[in-house]
Each structure stands twice: as structure tokens, then as C-alpha cells.
Amino acid sequence: MPILTVKVIARASQCAVVPQADGSFKIKLTQPAIEGRANEQLIALLAEHFHLSKSHIHIVGGAHTSIKRVKIDSESGS
């Protein structure tokens, strides 16, 4: 899969993956953006959303910002 652009909203009331018209995603997370907790939840949520293991989800840009670039490897090549 290509690299996705995601806008993360930490400390939301509930988790959600919301596709946007431009092909990006808005991701709502309940964890705060402290000590990587939101990033961990982001990886877990995207893995669940795409039915992949967490090892196939990689943050490749924006680890410390709300706009992130996420690479998703398909399991078919493994």
C-alpha cells in the first residue's frame, strides 16, 4: 500500500478512523500525545482497521506532530 497521510487528534472521546475526500485520514485517539502513547494507539487502530498485524504499520514521518505519514505493508509479500 502507499504511504498514507493522517491527521491525528489525541485525547478524543472515542477512537475513530475517518477517511477524507482528499484520500487522507483523520484519526481520533483517546490516548494523549505523551511518551508515544498516541503513536502506539495509532498503530494498533490502523492495524485493526486494515486487518493487519501491528508489525506492518510504520510511522515514517511526523512522529512528534499531528500530521503523520504512515506506511502500510501488506502481508501478501511476507
N, C-alpha and C. Protein backbone atom coordinates (compact mmCIF):
# COMPACT_ATOMS: atom_id res chain seq x y z
N MET A 1 0.85 -1.19 0.00
CA MET A 1 0.00 0.00 0.00
C MET A 1 0.88 1.25 0.00
N PRO A 2 0.36 2.32 -0.47
CA PRO A 2 1.13 3.56 -0.47
C PRO A 2 1.28 4.14 0.93
N ILE A 3 2.03 5.19 1.02
CA ILE A 3 2.18 5.90 2.28
C ILE A 3 0.96 6.79 2.46
N LEU A 4 0.32 6.69 3.61
CA LEU A 4 -0.88 7.47 3.91
C LEU A 4 -0.53 8.72 4.69
N THR A 5 -1.29 9.77 4.49
CA THR A 5 -1.20 10.97 5.32
C THR A 5 -2.35 10.92 6.30
N VAL A 6 -2.04 11.06 7.59
CA VAL A 6 -3.08 11.04 8.61
C VAL A 6 -2.97 12.27 9.50
N LYS A 7 -4.11 12.78 9.90
CA LYS A 7 -4.20 13.88 10.87
C LYS A 7 -4.70 13.25 12.15
N VAL A 8 -3.89 13.31 13.19
CA VAL A 8 -4.21 12.67 14.46
C VAL A 8 -4.78 13.69 15.44
N ILE A 9 -5.88 13.31 16.06
CA ILE A 9 -6.47 14.11 17.13
C ILE A 9 -6.37 13.27 18.40
N ALA A 10 -5.47 13.65 19.29
CA ALA A 10 -5.27 12.92 20.54
C ALA A 10 -6.29 13.38 21.58
N ARG A 11 -6.50 12.54 22.57
CA ARG A 11 -7.44 12.81 23.67
C ARG A 11 -8.87 13.05 23.19
N ALA A 12 -9.28 12.36 22.16
CA ALA A 12 -10.67 12.43 21.70
C ALA A 12 -11.53 11.56 22.63
N SER A 13 -12.82 11.74 22.58
CA SER A 13 -13.70 10.97 23.46
C SER A 13 -13.80 9.51 23.04
N GLN A 14 -13.56 9.22 21.75
CA GLN A 14 -13.56 7.83 21.29
C GLN A 14 -12.64 7.70 20.08
N CYS A 15 -12.21 6.47 19.81
CA CYS A 15 -11.33 6.22 18.67
C CYS A 15 -12.15 6.12 17.39
N ALA A 16 -11.59 6.64 16.31
CA ALA A 16 -12.26 6.56 15.01
C ALA A 16 -11.26 6.77 13.89
N VAL A 17 -11.51 6.11 12.77
CA VAL A 17 -10.76 6.30 11.53
C VAL A 17 -11.74 6.91 10.54
N VAL A 18 -11.48 8.16 10.13
CA VAL A 18 -12.41 8.88 9.26
C VAL A 18 -11.71 9.20 7.93
N PRO A 19 -12.08 8.51 6.85
CA PRO A 19 -11.49 8.84 5.54
C PRO A 19 -11.90 10.25 5.10
N GLN A 20 -10.97 10.96 4.47
CA GLN A 20 -11.22 12.31 3.99
C GLN A 20 -11.34 12.29 2.46
N ALA A 21 -11.95 13.31 1.90
CA ALA A 21 -12.18 13.39 0.45
C ALA A 21 -10.88 13.40 -0.35
N ASP A 22 -9.80 13.92 0.24
CA ASP A 22 -8.52 14.01 -0.48
C ASP A 22 -7.69 12.73 -0.40
N GLY A 23 -8.23 11.67 0.20
CA GLY A 23 -7.51 10.40 0.30
C GLY A 23 -6.74 10.23 1.60
N SER A 24 -6.68 11.27 2.41
CA SER A 24 -6.02 11.16 3.71
C SER A 24 -7.03 10.64 4.74
N PHE A 25 -6.58 10.50 5.97
CA PHE A 25 -7.45 10.03 7.04
C PHE A 25 -7.36 10.96 8.23
N LYS A 26 -8.47 11.15 8.91
CA LYS A 26 -8.48 11.81 10.21
C LYS A 26 -8.63 10.69 11.23
N ILE A 27 -7.71 10.63 12.18
CA ILE A 27 -7.70 9.57 13.17
C ILE A 27 -7.93 10.18 14.55
N LYS A 28 -8.96 9.73 15.23
CA LYS A 28 -9.25 10.19 16.59
C LYS A 28 -8.78 9.12 17.56
N LEU A 29 -7.97 9.54 18.54
CA LEU A 29 -7.40 8.63 19.52
C LEU A 29 -7.75 9.09 20.92
N THR A 30 -7.92 8.15 21.85
CA THR A 30 -8.22 8.51 23.23
C THR A 30 -6.97 8.77 24.05
N GLN A 31 -5.83 8.26 23.62
CA GLN A 31 -4.58 8.43 24.36
C GLN A 31 -4.01 9.84 24.15
N PRO A 32 -3.32 10.37 25.16
CA PRO A 32 -2.66 11.67 24.99
C PRO A 32 -1.38 11.52 24.17
N ALA A 33 -0.93 12.61 23.59
CA ALA A 33 0.31 12.61 22.81
C ALA A 33 1.50 12.79 23.74
N ILE A 34 1.65 11.87 24.66
CA ILE A 34 2.72 11.91 25.66
C ILE A 34 3.43 10.56 25.65
N GLU A 35 4.77 10.60 25.60
CA GLU A 35 5.61 9.40 25.67
C GLU A 35 5.24 8.35 24.62
N GLY A 36 4.79 8.80 23.46
CA GLY A 36 4.49 7.88 22.37
C GLY A 36 3.20 7.08 22.51
N ARG A 37 2.39 7.39 23.51
CA ARG A 37 1.17 6.60 23.74
C ARG A 37 0.18 6.76 22.59
N ALA A 38 0.02 7.96 22.06
CA ALA A 38 -0.89 8.17 20.93
C ALA A 38 -0.37 7.45 19.69
N ASN A 39 0.93 7.46 19.46
CA ASN A 39 1.50 6.76 18.31
C ASN A 39 1.27 5.26 18.41
N GLU A 40 1.42 4.70 19.60
CA GLU A 40 1.17 3.27 19.81
C GLU A 40 -0.29 2.94 19.52
N GLN A 41 -1.20 3.80 19.99
CA GLN A 41 -2.61 3.57 19.75
C GLN A 41 -2.94 3.74 18.26
N LEU A 42 -2.29 4.69 17.60
CA LEU A 42 -2.48 4.89 16.16
C LEU A 42 -2.12 3.62 15.39
N ILE A 43 -0.98 3.04 15.69
CA ILE A 43 -0.53 1.82 15.01
C ILE A 43 -1.52 0.69 15.25
N ALA A 44 -1.96 0.53 16.49
CA ALA A 44 -2.92 -0.54 16.81
C ALA A 44 -4.25 -0.33 16.09
N LEU A 45 -4.73 0.91 16.07
CA LEU A 45 -6.01 1.21 15.43
C LEU A 45 -5.95 0.99 13.92
N LEU A 46 -4.87 1.44 13.28
CA LEU A 46 -4.73 1.23 11.83
C LEU A 46 -4.57 -0.25 11.50
N ALA A 47 -3.85 -0.99 12.33
CA ALA A 47 -3.70 -2.43 12.11
C ALA A 47 -5.07 -3.11 12.17
N GLU A 48 -5.88 -2.73 13.13
CA GLU A 48 -7.22 -3.29 13.23
C GLU A 48 -8.08 -2.87 12.03
N HIS A 49 -8.00 -1.62 11.65
CA HIS A 49 -8.80 -1.09 10.53
C HIS A 49 -8.48 -1.80 9.21
N PHE A 50 -7.20 -2.04 8.95
CA PHE A 50 -6.78 -2.68 7.70
C PHE A 50 -6.62 -4.19 7.83
N HIS A 51 -6.95 -4.76 8.98
CA HIS A 51 -6.87 -6.21 9.22
C HIS A 51 -5.46 -6.74 9.00
N LEU A 52 -4.49 -6.05 9.59
CA LEU A 52 -3.08 -6.43 9.51
C LEU A 52 -2.51 -6.51 10.91
N SER A 53 -1.33 -7.12 11.04
CA SER A 53 -0.65 -7.10 12.32
C SER A 53 0.04 -5.75 12.50
N LYS A 54 0.30 -5.38 13.74
CA LYS A 54 0.92 -4.08 14.03
C LYS A 54 2.30 -3.95 13.41
N SER A 55 2.97 -5.07 13.17
CA SER A 55 4.32 -5.01 12.59
C SER A 55 4.31 -4.53 11.13
N HIS A 56 3.14 -4.44 10.52
CA HIS A 56 3.03 -3.98 9.13
C HIS A 56 2.72 -2.49 9.04
N ILE A 57 2.60 -1.80 10.17
CA ILE A 57 2.29 -0.38 10.20
C ILE A 57 3.52 0.37 10.71
N HIS A 58 3.98 1.38 9.95
CA HIS A 58 5.18 2.13 10.32
C HIS A 58 4.95 3.62 10.16
N ILE A 59 5.25 4.40 11.20
CA ILE A 59 5.21 5.85 11.08
C ILE A 59 6.54 6.27 10.46
N VAL A 60 6.49 6.83 9.25
CA VAL A 60 7.72 7.19 8.54
C VAL A 60 7.97 8.69 8.55
N GLY A 61 7.04 9.46 9.07
CA GLY A 61 7.24 10.90 9.17
C GLY A 61 6.23 11.52 10.11
N GLY A 62 6.66 12.53 10.85
CA GLY A 62 5.75 13.24 11.74
C GLY A 62 5.49 12.57 13.06
N ALA A 63 6.44 11.80 13.56
CA ALA A 63 6.23 11.07 14.82
C ALA A 63 5.91 12.00 15.99
N HIS A 64 6.33 13.26 15.91
CA HIS A 64 6.10 14.20 17.01
C HIS A 64 5.15 15.33 16.62
N THR A 65 4.37 15.13 15.55
CA THR A 65 3.41 16.14 15.12
C THR A 65 2.05 15.48 14.90
N SER A 66 1.02 16.30 14.70
CA SER A 66 -0.32 15.73 14.50
C SER A 66 -0.54 15.26 13.06
N ILE A 67 0.25 15.76 12.11
CA ILE A 67 0.17 15.28 10.73
C ILE A 67 1.28 14.25 10.54
N LYS A 68 0.91 13.02 10.21
CA LYS A 68 1.88 11.94 10.12
C LYS A 68 1.81 11.27 8.75
N ARG A 69 2.91 10.64 8.37
CA ARG A 69 2.99 9.82 7.17
C ARG A 69 3.16 8.39 7.66
N VAL A 70 2.26 7.52 7.23
CA VAL A 70 2.24 6.14 7.72
C VAL A 70 2.35 5.18 6.54
N LYS A 71 3.31 4.28 6.62
CA LYS A 71 3.49 3.25 5.59
C LYS A 71 2.81 1.98 6.06
N ILE A 72 2.03 1.38 5.17
CA ILE A 72 1.34 0.14 5.50
C ILE A 72 1.82 -0.93 4.53
N ASP A 73 2.49 -1.95 5.08
CA ASP A 73 2.96 -3.07 4.27
C ASP A 73 1.88 -4.14 4.25
N SER A 74 1.58 -4.67 3.07
CA SER A 74 0.60 -5.75 3.00
C SER A 74 1.27 -7.05 3.42
N GLU A 75 0.49 -7.97 3.95
CA GLU A 75 1.03 -9.25 4.40
C GLU A 75 1.31 -10.20 3.25
N SER A 76 0.81 -9.91 2.07
CA SER A 76 0.99 -10.82 0.94
C SER A 76 2.45 -10.99 0.54
N GLY A 77 3.28 -9.99 0.80
CA GLY A 77 4.68 -10.07 0.45
C GLY A 77 5.54 -10.72 1.50
N SER A 78 4.98 -11.08 2.65
CA SER A 78 5.77 -11.64 3.76
C SER A 78 5.73 -13.14 3.76
